[in-house]
N, C-alpha and C. Protein backbone atom coordinates (compact mmCIF):
# COMPACT_ATOMS: atom_id res chain seq x y z
N MET A 1 -38.49 -8.26 33.87
CA MET A 1 -38.97 -9.04 32.80
C MET A 1 -39.55 -10.38 33.35
N ALA A 2 -40.60 -10.77 32.96
CA ALA A 2 -41.45 -11.84 33.32
C ALA A 2 -40.73 -13.19 32.84
N ARG A 3 -40.66 -14.13 33.78
CA ARG A 3 -40.04 -15.48 33.53
C ARG A 3 -40.92 -16.19 32.68
N ARG A 4 -40.40 -16.87 31.62
CA ARG A 4 -41.10 -17.65 30.58
C ARG A 4 -41.26 -19.06 31.21
N ARG A 5 -42.41 -19.59 31.15
CA ARG A 5 -42.71 -21.03 31.60
C ARG A 5 -41.96 -21.95 30.56
N LYS A 6 -41.63 -23.09 31.04
CA LYS A 6 -41.21 -24.19 30.14
C LYS A 6 -42.43 -24.91 29.68
N GLY A 7 -42.35 -25.43 28.50
CA GLY A 7 -43.54 -26.15 27.99
C GLY A 7 -44.37 -25.40 27.07
N ARG A 8 -45.40 -26.30 26.53
CA ARG A 8 -46.34 -25.67 25.70
C ARG A 8 -47.51 -25.03 26.40
N ALA A 9 -48.10 -24.04 25.78
CA ALA A 9 -49.28 -23.35 26.28
C ALA A 9 -50.57 -24.12 25.88
N ILE A 10 -50.85 -25.17 26.54
CA ILE A 10 -52.15 -25.82 26.13
C ILE A 10 -53.26 -25.50 27.22
N SER A 11 -54.41 -25.49 27.00
CA SER A 11 -55.54 -25.29 27.95
C SER A 11 -56.62 -26.25 27.81
N GLY A 12 -57.19 -26.58 28.93
CA GLY A 12 -58.27 -27.58 28.88
C GLY A 12 -58.28 -28.43 30.08
N VAL A 13 -59.30 -29.29 30.19
CA VAL A 13 -59.51 -30.23 31.30
C VAL A 13 -59.46 -31.56 30.65
N LEU A 14 -58.69 -32.45 31.47
CA LEU A 14 -58.56 -33.90 31.11
C LEU A 14 -59.14 -34.68 32.22
N LEU A 15 -60.00 -35.54 31.90
CA LEU A 15 -60.74 -36.35 32.93
C LEU A 15 -59.91 -37.71 33.02
N LEU A 16 -59.06 -37.82 34.15
CA LEU A 16 -58.20 -39.09 34.05
C LEU A 16 -58.73 -39.99 35.14
N ASP A 17 -58.74 -41.26 34.60
CA ASP A 17 -59.17 -42.36 35.59
C ASP A 17 -57.92 -42.85 36.28
N LYS A 18 -57.77 -42.39 37.34
CA LYS A 18 -56.52 -42.59 38.21
C LYS A 18 -56.59 -43.84 38.78
N PRO A 19 -55.37 -44.76 38.48
CA PRO A 19 -55.20 -45.97 39.03
C PRO A 19 -54.74 -46.04 40.45
N ALA A 20 -54.88 -47.05 41.13
CA ALA A 20 -54.43 -47.24 42.58
C ALA A 20 -52.92 -47.23 42.51
N GLY A 21 -52.33 -46.95 43.69
CA GLY A 21 -50.87 -46.87 43.90
C GLY A 21 -50.16 -45.67 43.38
N ILE A 22 -50.94 -44.62 42.97
CA ILE A 22 -50.16 -43.48 42.52
C ILE A 22 -50.98 -42.28 43.13
N THR A 23 -50.16 -41.28 43.63
CA THR A 23 -50.76 -39.99 44.19
C THR A 23 -51.32 -39.22 43.03
N SER A 24 -52.20 -38.41 43.48
CA SER A 24 -52.68 -37.45 42.46
C SER A 24 -51.73 -36.56 41.87
N ASN A 25 -50.86 -36.00 42.64
CA ASN A 25 -49.80 -35.14 42.19
C ASN A 25 -48.81 -35.99 41.25
N LYS A 26 -48.58 -37.22 41.49
CA LYS A 26 -47.63 -38.07 40.57
C LYS A 26 -48.39 -38.27 39.23
N ALA A 27 -49.72 -38.55 39.29
CA ALA A 27 -50.42 -38.71 38.09
C ALA A 27 -50.37 -37.44 37.31
N LEU A 28 -50.73 -36.29 37.99
CA LEU A 28 -50.58 -34.95 37.15
C LEU A 28 -49.17 -34.75 36.60
N GLN A 29 -48.20 -34.99 37.35
CA GLN A 29 -46.84 -34.60 36.82
C GLN A 29 -46.55 -35.51 35.63
N GLU A 30 -46.94 -36.81 35.68
CA GLU A 30 -46.73 -37.64 34.40
C GLU A 30 -47.47 -37.19 33.30
N ILE A 31 -48.79 -36.82 33.40
CA ILE A 31 -49.65 -36.39 32.29
C ILE A 31 -49.05 -34.93 31.85
N LYS A 32 -48.62 -34.11 32.75
CA LYS A 32 -48.15 -32.89 32.38
C LYS A 32 -46.78 -33.03 31.50
N HIS A 33 -46.01 -33.94 31.98
CA HIS A 33 -44.79 -34.26 31.10
C HIS A 33 -45.11 -34.76 29.82
N LEU A 34 -46.11 -35.74 29.76
CA LEU A 34 -46.64 -36.48 28.55
C LEU A 34 -47.05 -35.33 27.52
N PHE A 35 -47.67 -34.36 27.93
CA PHE A 35 -48.27 -33.28 27.14
C PHE A 35 -47.29 -32.17 26.83
N GLY A 36 -46.24 -32.13 27.62
CA GLY A 36 -45.29 -30.96 27.57
C GLY A 36 -45.93 -29.70 27.85
N ALA A 37 -46.94 -29.78 28.79
CA ALA A 37 -47.71 -28.57 29.34
C ALA A 37 -46.88 -27.65 30.11
N ALA A 38 -47.02 -26.44 30.00
CA ALA A 38 -46.35 -25.32 30.85
C ALA A 38 -47.07 -25.22 32.19
N LYS A 39 -48.35 -25.29 32.25
CA LYS A 39 -48.97 -25.15 33.52
C LYS A 39 -50.16 -26.08 33.62
N ALA A 40 -50.22 -26.69 34.88
CA ALA A 40 -51.14 -27.72 35.10
C ALA A 40 -51.52 -27.82 36.63
N GLY A 41 -52.73 -28.40 36.91
CA GLY A 41 -53.17 -28.61 38.31
C GLY A 41 -54.27 -29.60 38.46
N HIS A 42 -54.45 -30.14 39.62
CA HIS A 42 -55.61 -31.16 39.71
C HIS A 42 -56.62 -30.51 40.68
N THR A 43 -57.71 -30.99 40.88
CA THR A 43 -58.98 -30.57 41.41
C THR A 43 -59.23 -31.20 42.81
N GLY A 44 -58.27 -31.87 43.34
CA GLY A 44 -58.45 -32.37 44.74
C GLY A 44 -57.72 -33.67 44.80
N SER A 45 -57.11 -34.01 45.92
CA SER A 45 -56.31 -35.24 46.13
C SER A 45 -57.08 -36.51 46.30
N LEU A 46 -56.89 -37.43 45.51
CA LEU A 46 -57.38 -38.88 45.80
C LEU A 46 -56.25 -39.56 46.48
N ASP A 47 -56.53 -40.31 47.60
CA ASP A 47 -55.59 -41.14 48.35
C ASP A 47 -54.92 -42.00 47.27
N PRO A 48 -53.62 -42.40 47.63
CA PRO A 48 -52.96 -43.33 46.71
C PRO A 48 -53.71 -44.69 46.53
N LEU A 49 -54.49 -45.08 47.42
CA LEU A 49 -55.19 -46.37 47.32
C LEU A 49 -56.48 -46.22 46.41
N ALA A 50 -56.95 -44.92 46.38
CA ALA A 50 -58.10 -44.60 45.56
C ALA A 50 -58.02 -44.67 44.02
N THR A 51 -59.11 -45.19 43.49
CA THR A 51 -59.08 -45.11 41.96
C THR A 51 -60.35 -44.18 41.68
N GLY A 52 -60.35 -43.65 40.48
CA GLY A 52 -61.49 -42.81 39.93
C GLY A 52 -61.03 -41.69 39.22
N LEU A 53 -62.22 -41.01 39.09
CA LEU A 53 -61.99 -39.67 38.07
C LEU A 53 -61.23 -38.64 38.92
N LEU A 54 -60.14 -38.08 38.20
CA LEU A 54 -59.37 -36.95 38.61
C LEU A 54 -59.27 -35.86 37.57
N PRO A 55 -60.11 -34.94 37.73
CA PRO A 55 -59.96 -33.84 36.56
C PRO A 55 -58.51 -33.13 36.75
N LEU A 56 -57.84 -33.05 35.64
CA LEU A 56 -56.66 -32.46 35.53
C LEU A 56 -56.85 -31.07 34.72
N CYS A 57 -56.42 -30.00 35.20
CA CYS A 57 -56.67 -28.68 34.49
C CYS A 57 -55.35 -28.16 33.85
N PHE A 58 -55.28 -27.77 32.62
CA PHE A 58 -54.13 -27.20 31.89
C PHE A 58 -54.32 -25.84 31.49
N GLY A 59 -53.25 -24.96 31.65
CA GLY A 59 -53.29 -23.62 31.04
C GLY A 59 -54.36 -22.83 31.74
N GLU A 60 -55.19 -22.13 30.78
CA GLU A 60 -56.33 -21.27 31.37
C GLU A 60 -57.40 -22.01 32.14
N ALA A 61 -57.48 -23.18 31.99
CA ALA A 61 -58.43 -23.97 32.82
C ALA A 61 -58.01 -24.16 34.31
N THR A 62 -56.72 -23.93 34.57
CA THR A 62 -56.35 -23.92 36.08
C THR A 62 -57.20 -22.84 36.91
N LYS A 63 -57.67 -21.79 36.08
CA LYS A 63 -58.31 -20.68 36.79
C LYS A 63 -59.72 -21.20 37.35
N VAL A 64 -60.23 -22.37 36.93
CA VAL A 64 -61.48 -22.89 37.37
C VAL A 64 -61.33 -24.01 38.28
N SER A 65 -60.11 -24.48 38.56
CA SER A 65 -59.80 -25.64 39.39
C SER A 65 -60.36 -25.40 40.88
N GLY A 66 -60.37 -24.09 41.33
CA GLY A 66 -60.73 -23.78 42.60
C GLY A 66 -62.25 -24.07 42.93
N PHE A 67 -63.08 -23.82 41.76
CA PHE A 67 -64.55 -24.06 41.82
C PHE A 67 -64.74 -25.64 42.00
N LEU A 68 -63.94 -26.28 41.25
CA LEU A 68 -64.02 -27.83 41.35
C LEU A 68 -63.62 -28.23 42.59
N LEU A 69 -62.62 -27.82 43.25
CA LEU A 69 -62.11 -28.12 44.54
C LEU A 69 -63.31 -28.08 45.54
N ASP A 70 -64.11 -26.97 45.46
CA ASP A 70 -65.16 -26.72 46.43
C ASP A 70 -66.48 -27.26 46.01
N ALA A 71 -66.57 -28.16 44.87
CA ALA A 71 -67.78 -28.65 44.43
C ALA A 71 -68.05 -29.97 45.23
N ASP A 72 -69.34 -30.30 45.20
CA ASP A 72 -69.67 -31.69 45.83
C ASP A 72 -69.01 -32.73 45.14
N LYS A 73 -68.63 -33.90 45.86
CA LYS A 73 -67.99 -34.92 45.26
C LYS A 73 -68.77 -36.20 45.62
N ASP A 74 -68.69 -37.16 44.88
CA ASP A 74 -69.39 -38.51 45.05
C ASP A 74 -68.33 -39.47 45.23
N TYR A 75 -68.16 -40.25 46.33
CA TYR A 75 -67.32 -41.29 46.68
C TYR A 75 -67.92 -42.61 46.77
N ARG A 76 -67.39 -43.60 46.11
CA ARG A 76 -67.99 -45.00 46.30
C ARG A 76 -66.87 -45.83 46.99
N VAL A 77 -67.27 -46.22 48.14
CA VAL A 77 -66.55 -47.03 49.11
C VAL A 77 -66.75 -48.46 49.17
N THR A 78 -65.69 -49.27 49.10
CA THR A 78 -65.84 -50.71 49.32
C THR A 78 -65.18 -50.91 50.67
N CYS A 79 -65.81 -51.54 51.51
CA CYS A 79 -65.35 -51.95 52.83
C CYS A 79 -65.51 -53.13 53.37
N ARG A 80 -64.50 -53.58 54.32
CA ARG A 80 -64.61 -55.01 54.81
C ARG A 80 -65.04 -54.93 56.24
N PHE A 81 -66.18 -55.38 56.54
CA PHE A 81 -66.61 -55.34 57.92
C PHE A 81 -66.00 -56.32 58.82
N GLY A 82 -65.73 -55.92 60.14
CA GLY A 82 -65.25 -56.80 61.04
C GLY A 82 -63.85 -56.68 61.25
N GLU A 83 -63.11 -55.81 60.42
CA GLU A 83 -61.66 -55.72 60.53
C GLU A 83 -61.15 -54.41 60.85
N ARG A 84 -60.08 -54.33 61.66
CA ARG A 84 -59.43 -53.14 62.02
C ARG A 84 -58.06 -53.18 61.80
N THR A 85 -57.42 -52.14 61.13
CA THR A 85 -56.05 -52.16 60.68
C THR A 85 -55.26 -50.99 61.30
N THR A 86 -54.08 -50.96 61.17
CA THR A 86 -53.21 -49.93 61.91
C THR A 86 -53.31 -48.57 61.17
N THR A 87 -53.78 -48.66 59.94
CA THR A 87 -54.00 -47.45 59.07
C THR A 87 -55.44 -47.01 58.86
N GLY A 88 -56.30 -47.91 59.23
CA GLY A 88 -57.76 -47.57 58.99
C GLY A 88 -58.17 -47.88 57.59
N ASP A 89 -57.24 -48.48 56.80
CA ASP A 89 -57.52 -48.85 55.40
C ASP A 89 -57.00 -50.17 55.05
N ALA A 90 -56.88 -50.58 53.72
CA ALA A 90 -56.50 -51.92 53.27
C ALA A 90 -55.12 -52.06 53.53
N GLU A 91 -54.28 -51.05 53.50
CA GLU A 91 -52.76 -51.00 53.40
C GLU A 91 -52.27 -51.41 54.82
N GLY A 92 -52.98 -51.17 55.84
CA GLY A 92 -52.46 -51.42 57.25
C GLY A 92 -52.41 -52.74 57.72
N GLU A 93 -51.62 -53.10 58.71
CA GLU A 93 -51.57 -54.41 59.25
C GLU A 93 -52.83 -54.66 60.01
N LEU A 94 -53.34 -55.86 59.95
CA LEU A 94 -54.78 -56.33 60.67
C LEU A 94 -54.42 -56.38 62.19
N LEU A 95 -55.15 -55.54 62.84
CA LEU A 95 -54.93 -55.51 64.33
C LEU A 95 -56.07 -56.45 64.99
N GLU A 96 -57.20 -56.43 64.37
CA GLU A 96 -58.41 -57.16 64.99
C GLU A 96 -59.25 -57.72 63.87
N GLN A 97 -59.75 -58.96 63.94
CA GLN A 97 -60.91 -59.54 63.03
C GLN A 97 -61.91 -60.08 63.91
N ARG A 98 -63.04 -59.74 63.70
CA ARG A 98 -64.22 -60.29 64.49
C ARG A 98 -65.26 -60.75 63.43
N PRO A 99 -66.03 -61.74 63.83
CA PRO A 99 -67.07 -62.08 62.95
C PRO A 99 -68.18 -60.99 63.02
N VAL A 100 -68.86 -60.88 61.85
CA VAL A 100 -69.97 -59.96 61.79
C VAL A 100 -71.20 -60.74 61.63
N GLU A 101 -71.94 -60.65 62.70
CA GLU A 101 -73.25 -61.41 62.82
C GLU A 101 -74.41 -60.65 62.48
N ASP A 102 -75.37 -61.25 61.95
CA ASP A 102 -76.55 -60.58 61.67
C ASP A 102 -76.58 -59.33 60.91
N LEU A 103 -75.66 -59.29 59.82
CA LEU A 103 -75.67 -58.23 59.00
C LEU A 103 -76.74 -58.33 57.86
N THR A 104 -77.64 -57.44 57.98
CA THR A 104 -78.78 -57.39 57.01
C THR A 104 -78.72 -55.97 56.34
N GLU A 105 -79.50 -55.96 55.17
CA GLU A 105 -79.60 -54.63 54.61
C GLU A 105 -80.41 -53.72 55.42
N ASP A 106 -81.35 -54.13 56.18
CA ASP A 106 -82.06 -53.19 57.08
C ASP A 106 -81.07 -52.66 58.13
N ARG A 107 -80.22 -53.52 58.68
CA ARG A 107 -79.39 -53.06 59.93
C ARG A 107 -78.35 -52.29 59.23
N LEU A 108 -77.79 -52.39 57.97
CA LEU A 108 -76.86 -51.48 57.41
C LEU A 108 -77.35 -50.25 57.16
N ASN A 109 -78.63 -50.11 56.48
CA ASN A 109 -79.37 -48.81 56.34
C ASN A 109 -79.57 -47.91 57.54
N GLU A 110 -79.84 -48.86 58.66
CA GLU A 110 -80.12 -48.07 60.02
C GLU A 110 -78.79 -47.55 60.42
N VAL A 111 -77.64 -48.17 60.40
CA VAL A 111 -76.45 -47.68 60.73
C VAL A 111 -75.96 -46.36 59.81
N LEU A 112 -76.34 -46.48 58.60
CA LEU A 112 -75.86 -45.43 57.62
C LEU A 112 -76.71 -44.21 57.85
N GLN A 113 -77.87 -44.31 58.59
CA GLN A 113 -78.66 -43.06 58.92
C GLN A 113 -77.86 -42.19 59.70
N GLY A 114 -76.97 -42.63 60.45
CA GLY A 114 -76.09 -41.73 61.33
C GLY A 114 -75.15 -40.90 60.55
N PHE A 115 -74.98 -41.13 59.25
CA PHE A 115 -74.07 -40.46 58.34
C PHE A 115 -74.82 -39.53 57.35
N LEU A 116 -76.15 -39.39 57.71
CA LEU A 116 -76.94 -38.35 56.83
C LEU A 116 -76.89 -36.95 57.42
N GLY A 117 -76.90 -35.95 56.64
CA GLY A 117 -76.99 -34.65 57.17
C GLY A 117 -75.55 -34.11 57.40
N GLU A 118 -75.51 -32.97 58.33
CA GLU A 118 -74.31 -32.58 58.65
C GLU A 118 -73.62 -33.33 59.77
N ILE A 119 -72.40 -33.68 59.63
CA ILE A 119 -71.77 -34.78 60.59
C ILE A 119 -70.37 -34.15 60.98
N GLU A 120 -69.98 -34.41 62.31
CA GLU A 120 -68.55 -33.98 62.67
C GLU A 120 -67.74 -35.18 62.66
N GLN A 121 -66.49 -35.22 62.19
CA GLN A 121 -65.66 -36.24 62.01
C GLN A 121 -64.24 -35.84 62.33
N ILE A 122 -63.42 -36.70 62.85
CA ILE A 122 -61.99 -36.61 63.13
C ILE A 122 -61.28 -37.39 62.04
N PRO A 123 -60.56 -36.70 61.18
CA PRO A 123 -59.94 -37.39 60.13
C PRO A 123 -58.86 -38.22 60.66
N PRO A 124 -58.62 -39.43 60.08
CA PRO A 124 -57.50 -40.32 60.55
C PRO A 124 -56.06 -39.88 60.24
N MET A 125 -55.02 -40.16 60.90
CA MET A 125 -53.77 -39.80 60.61
C MET A 125 -53.33 -40.10 59.15
N TYR A 126 -53.88 -41.24 58.69
CA TYR A 126 -53.45 -41.80 57.40
C TYR A 126 -54.63 -41.19 56.47
N SER A 127 -54.44 -39.95 56.16
CA SER A 127 -55.25 -39.21 55.05
C SER A 127 -54.52 -38.20 54.41
N ALA A 128 -54.97 -37.73 53.30
CA ALA A 128 -54.23 -36.81 52.46
C ALA A 128 -54.31 -35.36 52.89
N LEU A 129 -55.02 -35.09 54.12
CA LEU A 129 -55.06 -33.82 54.67
C LEU A 129 -53.75 -33.37 54.96
N LYS A 130 -53.54 -32.13 54.93
CA LYS A 130 -52.16 -31.57 55.29
C LYS A 130 -52.05 -30.79 56.81
N HIS A 131 -50.95 -31.07 57.31
CA HIS A 131 -50.66 -30.31 58.72
C HIS A 131 -49.32 -29.63 58.45
N LYS A 132 -49.37 -28.27 58.48
CA LYS A 132 -48.13 -27.46 58.16
C LYS A 132 -47.47 -27.84 56.98
N GLY A 133 -48.23 -28.08 55.91
CA GLY A 133 -47.69 -28.35 54.53
C GLY A 133 -47.32 -29.74 54.25
N GLU A 134 -47.42 -30.66 55.25
CA GLU A 134 -47.08 -32.10 55.11
C GLU A 134 -48.41 -32.97 55.10
N ARG A 135 -48.47 -33.85 54.23
CA ARG A 135 -49.55 -34.77 54.22
C ARG A 135 -49.54 -35.66 55.55
N LEU A 136 -50.76 -35.75 56.18
CA LEU A 136 -50.92 -36.47 57.33
C LEU A 136 -50.35 -38.01 57.22
N TYR A 137 -50.63 -38.67 56.00
CA TYR A 137 -50.26 -40.06 55.85
C TYR A 137 -48.70 -40.10 55.86
N LYS A 138 -48.01 -39.12 55.40
CA LYS A 138 -46.55 -39.14 55.32
C LYS A 138 -46.10 -38.95 56.74
N LEU A 139 -46.62 -38.05 57.58
CA LEU A 139 -46.26 -37.95 58.84
C LEU A 139 -46.57 -39.23 59.73
N ALA A 140 -47.72 -39.80 59.45
CA ALA A 140 -48.12 -41.03 60.12
C ALA A 140 -47.01 -42.18 59.94
N ARG A 141 -46.59 -42.31 58.68
CA ARG A 141 -45.61 -43.33 58.37
C ARG A 141 -44.25 -43.14 59.02
N GLU A 142 -43.98 -41.76 59.33
CA GLU A 142 -42.74 -41.39 60.06
C GLU A 142 -42.89 -41.62 61.47
N GLY A 143 -44.09 -41.98 61.89
CA GLY A 143 -44.40 -42.10 63.40
C GLY A 143 -44.74 -40.86 64.12
N VAL A 144 -44.91 -39.83 63.32
CA VAL A 144 -45.34 -38.59 63.85
C VAL A 144 -46.92 -38.43 64.05
N GLU A 145 -47.35 -38.19 65.21
CA GLU A 145 -48.82 -38.00 65.54
C GLU A 145 -49.07 -36.59 65.86
N VAL A 146 -50.00 -36.06 65.06
CA VAL A 146 -50.48 -34.65 65.32
C VAL A 146 -52.01 -34.44 65.55
N GLY A 147 -52.52 -33.68 66.32
CA GLY A 147 -53.96 -33.45 66.44
C GLY A 147 -54.58 -32.96 65.42
N THR A 148 -55.47 -33.56 64.68
CA THR A 148 -56.10 -33.14 63.33
C THR A 148 -57.31 -32.18 63.59
N GLY A 149 -57.90 -32.31 64.80
CA GLY A 149 -59.04 -31.54 65.06
C GLY A 149 -60.22 -32.27 64.35
N SER A 150 -61.43 -31.63 64.44
CA SER A 150 -62.54 -32.22 63.73
C SER A 150 -63.00 -31.40 62.59
N LEU A 151 -63.69 -31.99 61.59
CA LEU A 151 -64.17 -31.36 60.42
C LEU A 151 -65.65 -31.66 60.49
N ARG A 152 -66.36 -30.64 59.81
CA ARG A 152 -67.87 -30.77 59.68
C ARG A 152 -68.06 -30.95 58.17
N ASP A 153 -68.80 -32.00 57.88
CA ASP A 153 -69.10 -32.37 56.48
C ASP A 153 -70.63 -32.54 56.36
N SER A 154 -71.04 -32.24 55.09
CA SER A 154 -72.51 -32.52 54.85
C SER A 154 -72.54 -33.81 54.10
N ALA A 155 -73.30 -34.80 54.45
CA ALA A 155 -73.10 -36.13 53.89
C ALA A 155 -74.50 -36.82 53.77
N ALA A 156 -74.50 -37.67 52.55
CA ALA A 156 -75.54 -38.44 52.23
C ALA A 156 -75.00 -39.78 52.11
N ALA A 157 -75.82 -40.96 52.52
CA ALA A 157 -75.24 -42.34 52.42
C ALA A 157 -76.26 -43.21 51.83
N GLY A 158 -75.99 -44.19 51.21
CA GLY A 158 -76.83 -45.19 50.60
C GLY A 158 -76.13 -46.47 50.37
N SER A 159 -76.75 -47.59 50.34
CA SER A 159 -76.06 -48.81 50.09
C SER A 159 -76.81 -49.57 48.92
N THR A 160 -76.01 -50.42 48.37
CA THR A 160 -76.46 -51.38 47.30
C THR A 160 -76.25 -52.90 47.84
N TRP A 161 -77.20 -53.62 48.02
CA TRP A 161 -77.45 -54.83 48.63
C TRP A 161 -77.43 -55.95 47.58
N PRO A 162 -76.81 -57.14 47.57
CA PRO A 162 -75.90 -57.60 48.78
C PRO A 162 -74.45 -57.19 48.43
N TRP A 163 -74.05 -56.70 47.32
CA TRP A 163 -72.72 -56.22 47.09
C TRP A 163 -72.43 -54.94 47.93
N VAL A 164 -72.12 -54.93 49.10
CA VAL A 164 -72.18 -53.80 49.82
C VAL A 164 -71.20 -52.75 49.36
N SER A 165 -71.73 -51.71 48.64
CA SER A 165 -71.05 -50.69 48.26
C SER A 165 -71.74 -49.35 48.77
N VAL A 166 -70.95 -48.57 49.52
CA VAL A 166 -71.52 -47.60 50.19
C VAL A 166 -71.12 -46.22 49.41
N LYS A 167 -72.12 -45.36 49.39
CA LYS A 167 -71.74 -44.06 48.59
C LYS A 167 -71.79 -42.96 49.62
N PHE A 168 -70.89 -42.00 49.59
CA PHE A 168 -70.94 -40.82 50.55
C PHE A 168 -70.88 -39.70 49.58
N PHE A 169 -71.75 -38.65 49.82
CA PHE A 169 -71.71 -37.39 49.12
C PHE A 169 -71.20 -36.41 50.12
N LEU A 170 -69.96 -35.81 50.01
CA LEU A 170 -69.39 -34.92 50.90
C LEU A 170 -69.31 -33.64 50.33
N ARG A 171 -69.48 -32.64 51.17
CA ARG A 171 -69.29 -31.15 50.83
C ARG A 171 -68.37 -30.46 51.60
């Protein structure tokens, strides 16, 4: 006999504006509980620091979540030039701070050209990627370092000046 799921059989996609400070899974679990839904999933992890659109799938809609996981995504990045932290993001301790001289829109666009097309990158330990089922950022916080290997991404980049906002389109 098949096991019955707890919760209501609701189906659909909810577009959640995920706030900073919460994991994608935590956001999903809170909304799933709020709706009393029997089955739910999300379409890709946003870093706990990240804010933005997180599609949540319920019931029959979970069958399309795989297509959304593989879809192109648009990321808007705000960065601070001249700083290096222990984690490579705003949460880490500041390791180094240098003045950024002669930063112009032309120079920024010249540098961004290196991020166009197919690129190879090594993901940082403080990322949402998994190694043997564990999130890299969790392992990193425990002091565990693993070789992440490199990833190939297709990317496009652009900037908005003077409020430096960099967009990456990753596939």
